Amino acid sequence: MKNLIAELLVKLAQKEEESKELVAQVEALEIVVTALLRQMAKPEQEALIDNVEGALENARPDSQVPAEDAELLQQYVKKLLRHPRS
């Protein structure tokens, strides 16, 4: 029983480390995208944002992807492009 608990704790620690890594990757991408947008002139920003949003609309997921997941992705993309972090 102790071995099972120890194995579960090790797996939990591995998952937590993977989660931290993913959070760091997402935050790094947010910073990069925000910096790039700030370097662009307003018309170029708007054109890029329109292109990304259009591509996202055209790439609608198939029925295997839950609608909530697709909506969540759209919300995050919109937040990142339209309301970048300060």
N, C-alpha and C. Protein backbone atom coordinates (compact mmCIF):
# COMPACT_ATOMS: atom_id res chain seq x y z
N MET A 1 0.83 -1.19 0.00
CA MET A 1 0.00 0.00 0.00
C MET A 1 0.87 1.25 0.00
N LYS A 2 1.94 1.23 0.80
CA LYS A 2 2.84 2.38 0.86
C LYS A 2 3.49 2.63 -0.50
N ASN A 3 3.83 1.55 -1.19
CA ASN A 3 4.43 1.69 -2.52
C ASN A 3 3.46 2.34 -3.50
N LEU A 4 2.21 1.94 -3.43
CA LEU A 4 1.19 2.51 -4.31
C LEU A 4 1.04 4.01 -4.05
N ILE A 5 0.98 4.37 -2.80
CA ILE A 5 0.85 5.79 -2.44
C ILE A 5 2.09 6.56 -2.90
N ALA A 6 3.25 5.98 -2.72
CA ALA A 6 4.50 6.63 -3.14
C ALA A 6 4.50 6.83 -4.67
N GLU A 7 4.07 5.81 -5.40
CA GLU A 7 4.00 5.92 -6.86
C GLU A 7 3.02 7.00 -7.28
N LEU A 8 1.88 7.04 -6.63
CA LEU A 8 0.89 8.06 -6.95
C LEU A 8 1.42 9.47 -6.68
N LEU A 9 2.14 9.63 -5.58
CA LEU A 9 2.72 10.93 -5.25
C LEU A 9 3.77 11.35 -6.28
N VAL A 10 4.56 10.39 -6.74
CA VAL A 10 5.56 10.69 -7.77
C VAL A 10 4.86 11.11 -9.07
N LYS A 11 3.83 10.40 -9.46
CA LYS A 11 3.09 10.75 -10.67
C LYS A 11 2.43 12.11 -10.54
N LEU A 12 1.89 12.40 -9.38
CA LEU A 12 1.28 13.69 -9.13
C LEU A 12 2.31 14.81 -9.23
N ALA A 13 3.48 14.59 -8.69
CA ALA A 13 4.56 15.59 -8.77
C ALA A 13 4.98 15.81 -10.22
N GLN A 14 5.03 14.74 -11.02
CA GLN A 14 5.39 14.86 -12.43
C GLN A 14 4.34 15.68 -13.19
N LYS A 15 3.08 15.41 -12.91
CA LYS A 15 1.99 16.15 -13.56
C LYS A 15 2.03 17.62 -13.19
N GLU A 16 2.34 17.89 -11.93
CA GLU A 16 2.42 19.29 -11.48
C GLU A 16 3.56 20.01 -12.19
N GLU A 17 4.68 19.32 -12.37
CA GLU A 17 5.82 19.91 -13.07
C GLU A 17 5.46 20.18 -14.53
N GLU A 18 4.78 19.25 -15.17
CA GLU A 18 4.34 19.44 -16.55
C GLU A 18 3.39 20.63 -16.66
N SER A 19 2.52 20.75 -15.70
CA SER A 19 1.57 21.85 -15.67
C SER A 19 2.29 23.19 -15.54
N LYS A 20 3.27 23.25 -14.68
CA LYS A 20 4.06 24.48 -14.50
C LYS A 20 4.77 24.85 -15.79
N GLU A 21 5.28 23.85 -16.48
CA GLU A 21 5.97 24.07 -17.74
C GLU A 21 5.02 24.66 -18.78
N LEU A 22 3.82 24.11 -18.86
CA LEU A 22 2.84 24.62 -19.82
C LEU A 22 2.43 26.05 -19.49
N VAL A 23 2.25 26.36 -18.23
CA VAL A 23 1.91 27.71 -17.82
C VAL A 23 3.02 28.68 -18.23
N ALA A 24 4.27 28.29 -18.02
CA ALA A 24 5.40 29.13 -18.39
C ALA A 24 5.43 29.35 -19.90
N GLN A 25 5.15 28.32 -20.68
CA GLN A 25 5.14 28.45 -22.14
C GLN A 25 4.05 29.41 -22.59
N VAL A 26 2.87 29.29 -22.01
CA VAL A 26 1.76 30.16 -22.38
C VAL A 26 2.07 31.60 -22.01
N GLU A 27 2.61 31.82 -20.83
CA GLU A 27 2.95 33.17 -20.41
C GLU A 27 4.03 33.77 -21.30
N ALA A 28 5.01 32.97 -21.69
CA ALA A 28 6.06 33.46 -22.59
C ALA A 28 5.47 33.86 -23.94
N LEU A 29 4.57 33.04 -24.46
CA LEU A 29 3.93 33.38 -25.73
C LEU A 29 3.10 34.65 -25.62
N GLU A 30 2.41 34.81 -24.50
CA GLU A 30 1.64 36.04 -24.27
C GLU A 30 2.53 37.26 -24.32
N ILE A 31 3.66 37.18 -23.65
CA ILE A 31 4.60 38.30 -23.62
C ILE A 31 5.12 38.62 -25.02
N VAL A 32 5.47 37.59 -25.78
CA VAL A 32 6.00 37.78 -27.12
C VAL A 32 4.94 38.40 -28.04
N VAL A 33 3.73 37.86 -28.01
CA VAL A 33 2.67 38.40 -28.87
C VAL A 33 2.36 39.84 -28.50
N THR A 34 2.28 40.13 -27.22
CA THR A 34 2.01 41.50 -26.77
C THR A 34 3.10 42.45 -27.25
N ALA A 35 4.35 42.05 -27.10
CA ALA A 35 5.47 42.89 -27.53
C ALA A 35 5.42 43.12 -29.04
N LEU A 36 5.12 42.07 -29.79
CA LEU A 36 5.03 42.21 -31.25
C LEU A 36 3.90 43.15 -31.65
N LEU A 37 2.75 43.01 -31.02
CA LEU A 37 1.62 43.88 -31.34
C LEU A 37 1.94 45.34 -31.03
N ARG A 38 2.64 45.56 -29.93
CA ARG A 38 2.97 46.94 -29.55
C ARG A 38 3.95 47.60 -30.51
N GLN A 39 4.73 46.78 -31.22
CA GLN A 39 5.70 47.32 -32.17
C GLN A 39 5.06 47.65 -33.53
N MET A 40 3.86 47.20 -33.73
CA MET A 40 3.18 47.40 -35.01
C MET A 40 2.36 48.68 -35.00
N ALA A 41 2.25 49.29 -36.17
CA ALA A 41 1.35 50.43 -36.31
C ALA A 41 -0.08 49.94 -36.17
N LYS A 42 -0.96 50.84 -35.76
CA LYS A 42 -2.36 50.47 -35.50
C LYS A 42 -3.02 49.77 -36.70
N PRO A 43 -2.88 50.29 -37.93
CA PRO A 43 -3.51 49.58 -39.07
C PRO A 43 -2.97 48.17 -39.27
N GLU A 44 -1.66 48.01 -39.04
CA GLU A 44 -1.07 46.67 -39.18
C GLU A 44 -1.58 45.74 -38.08
N GLN A 45 -1.71 46.28 -36.86
CA GLN A 45 -2.27 45.49 -35.76
C GLN A 45 -3.65 44.99 -36.12
N GLU A 46 -4.50 45.91 -36.57
CA GLU A 46 -5.88 45.55 -36.90
C GLU A 46 -5.94 44.51 -38.01
N ALA A 47 -5.08 44.67 -39.03
CA ALA A 47 -5.05 43.70 -40.13
C ALA A 47 -4.64 42.32 -39.62
N LEU A 48 -3.62 42.28 -38.77
CA LEU A 48 -3.17 41.01 -38.20
C LEU A 48 -4.26 40.36 -37.36
N ILE A 49 -4.88 41.15 -36.50
CA ILE A 49 -5.94 40.64 -35.64
C ILE A 49 -7.10 40.11 -36.48
N ASP A 50 -7.50 40.85 -37.49
CA ASP A 50 -8.58 40.40 -38.37
C ASP A 50 -8.21 39.09 -39.07
N ASN A 51 -6.95 38.98 -39.51
CA ASN A 51 -6.51 37.75 -40.17
C ASN A 51 -6.53 36.55 -39.22
N VAL A 52 -6.06 36.76 -38.01
CA VAL A 52 -6.04 35.66 -37.03
C VAL A 52 -7.46 35.24 -36.68
N GLU A 53 -8.33 36.23 -36.42
CA GLU A 53 -9.72 35.90 -36.08
C GLU A 53 -10.43 35.22 -37.25
N GLY A 54 -10.13 35.67 -38.46
CA GLY A 54 -10.72 35.03 -39.64
C GLY A 54 -10.24 33.60 -39.80
N ALA A 55 -8.96 33.38 -39.59
CA ALA A 55 -8.41 32.03 -39.69
C ALA A 55 -9.02 31.12 -38.63
N LEU A 56 -9.22 31.67 -37.45
CA LEU A 56 -9.83 30.89 -36.38
C LEU A 56 -11.27 30.51 -36.73
N GLU A 57 -11.99 31.44 -37.31
CA GLU A 57 -13.37 31.16 -37.73
C GLU A 57 -13.40 30.07 -38.81
N ASN A 58 -12.47 30.14 -39.75
CA ASN A 58 -12.42 29.17 -40.85
C ASN A 58 -11.95 27.79 -40.41
N ALA A 59 -11.26 27.73 -39.29
CA ALA A 59 -10.72 26.46 -38.81
C ALA A 59 -11.62 25.88 -37.72
N ARG A 60 -12.89 25.94 -37.93
CA ARG A 60 -13.83 25.41 -36.93
C ARG A 60 -13.54 23.93 -36.70
N PRO A 61 -13.51 23.55 -35.44
CA PRO A 61 -13.20 22.14 -35.13
C PRO A 61 -14.35 21.22 -35.54
N ASP A 62 -13.98 19.96 -35.72
CA ASP A 62 -15.02 18.99 -36.06
C ASP A 62 -15.83 18.64 -34.81
N SER A 63 -16.77 17.76 -34.98
CA SER A 63 -17.70 17.44 -33.90
C SER A 63 -17.03 16.70 -32.73
N GLN A 64 -15.80 16.24 -32.91
CA GLN A 64 -15.12 15.53 -31.84
C GLN A 64 -14.61 16.48 -30.75
N VAL A 65 -14.47 17.76 -31.11
CA VAL A 65 -14.00 18.76 -30.15
C VAL A 65 -15.23 19.37 -29.47
N PRO A 66 -15.29 19.32 -28.16
CA PRO A 66 -16.45 19.90 -27.48
C PRO A 66 -16.57 21.40 -27.79
N ALA A 67 -17.80 21.85 -27.95
CA ALA A 67 -18.06 23.26 -28.28
C ALA A 67 -17.48 24.19 -27.22
N GLU A 68 -17.52 23.76 -25.96
CA GLU A 68 -16.98 24.60 -24.88
C GLU A 68 -15.48 24.82 -25.06
N ASP A 69 -14.76 23.79 -25.52
CA ASP A 69 -13.32 23.92 -25.72
C ASP A 69 -13.02 24.90 -26.86
N ALA A 70 -13.78 24.79 -27.94
CA ALA A 70 -13.59 25.70 -29.07
C ALA A 70 -13.89 27.14 -28.65
N GLU A 71 -14.94 27.32 -27.87
CA GLU A 71 -15.32 28.65 -27.38
C GLU A 71 -14.23 29.21 -26.45
N LEU A 72 -13.69 28.38 -25.61
CA LEU A 72 -12.63 28.79 -24.70
C LEU A 72 -11.41 29.26 -25.48
N LEU A 73 -11.04 28.53 -26.52
CA LEU A 73 -9.92 28.92 -27.37
C LEU A 73 -10.17 30.28 -28.01
N GLN A 74 -11.37 30.46 -28.55
CA GLN A 74 -11.71 31.75 -29.17
C GLN A 74 -11.64 32.88 -28.17
N GLN A 75 -12.11 32.66 -26.96
CA GLN A 75 -12.07 33.70 -25.93
C GLN A 75 -10.63 34.08 -25.58
N TYR A 76 -9.76 33.09 -25.45
CA TYR A 76 -8.37 33.37 -25.12
C TYR A 76 -7.66 34.11 -26.25
N VAL A 77 -7.92 33.71 -27.49
CA VAL A 77 -7.31 34.39 -28.62
C VAL A 77 -7.78 35.84 -28.67
N LYS A 78 -9.08 36.04 -28.49
CA LYS A 78 -9.62 37.40 -28.51
C LYS A 78 -9.00 38.23 -27.38
N LYS A 79 -8.91 37.66 -26.20
CA LYS A 79 -8.32 38.37 -25.06
C LYS A 79 -6.88 38.74 -25.35
N LEU A 80 -6.13 37.81 -25.90
CA LEU A 80 -4.72 38.03 -26.19
C LEU A 80 -4.52 39.12 -27.24
N LEU A 81 -5.35 39.12 -28.27
CA LEU A 81 -5.18 40.07 -29.36
C LEU A 81 -5.83 41.42 -29.09
N ARG A 82 -7.01 41.40 -28.53
CA ARG A 82 -7.76 42.64 -28.34
C ARG A 82 -7.45 43.32 -27.01
N HIS A 83 -7.08 42.55 -26.01
CA HIS A 83 -6.81 43.10 -24.68
C HIS A 83 -5.52 42.50 -24.13
N PRO A 84 -4.39 42.81 -24.77
CA PRO A 84 -3.14 42.21 -24.31
C PRO A 84 -2.77 42.70 -22.91
N ARG A 85 -1.95 41.91 -22.24
CA ARG A 85 -1.56 42.27 -20.87
C ARG A 85 -0.78 43.56 -20.88
N SER A 86 -0.85 44.27 -19.78
CA SER A 86 -0.20 45.58 -19.66
C SER A 86 1.28 45.45 -19.40
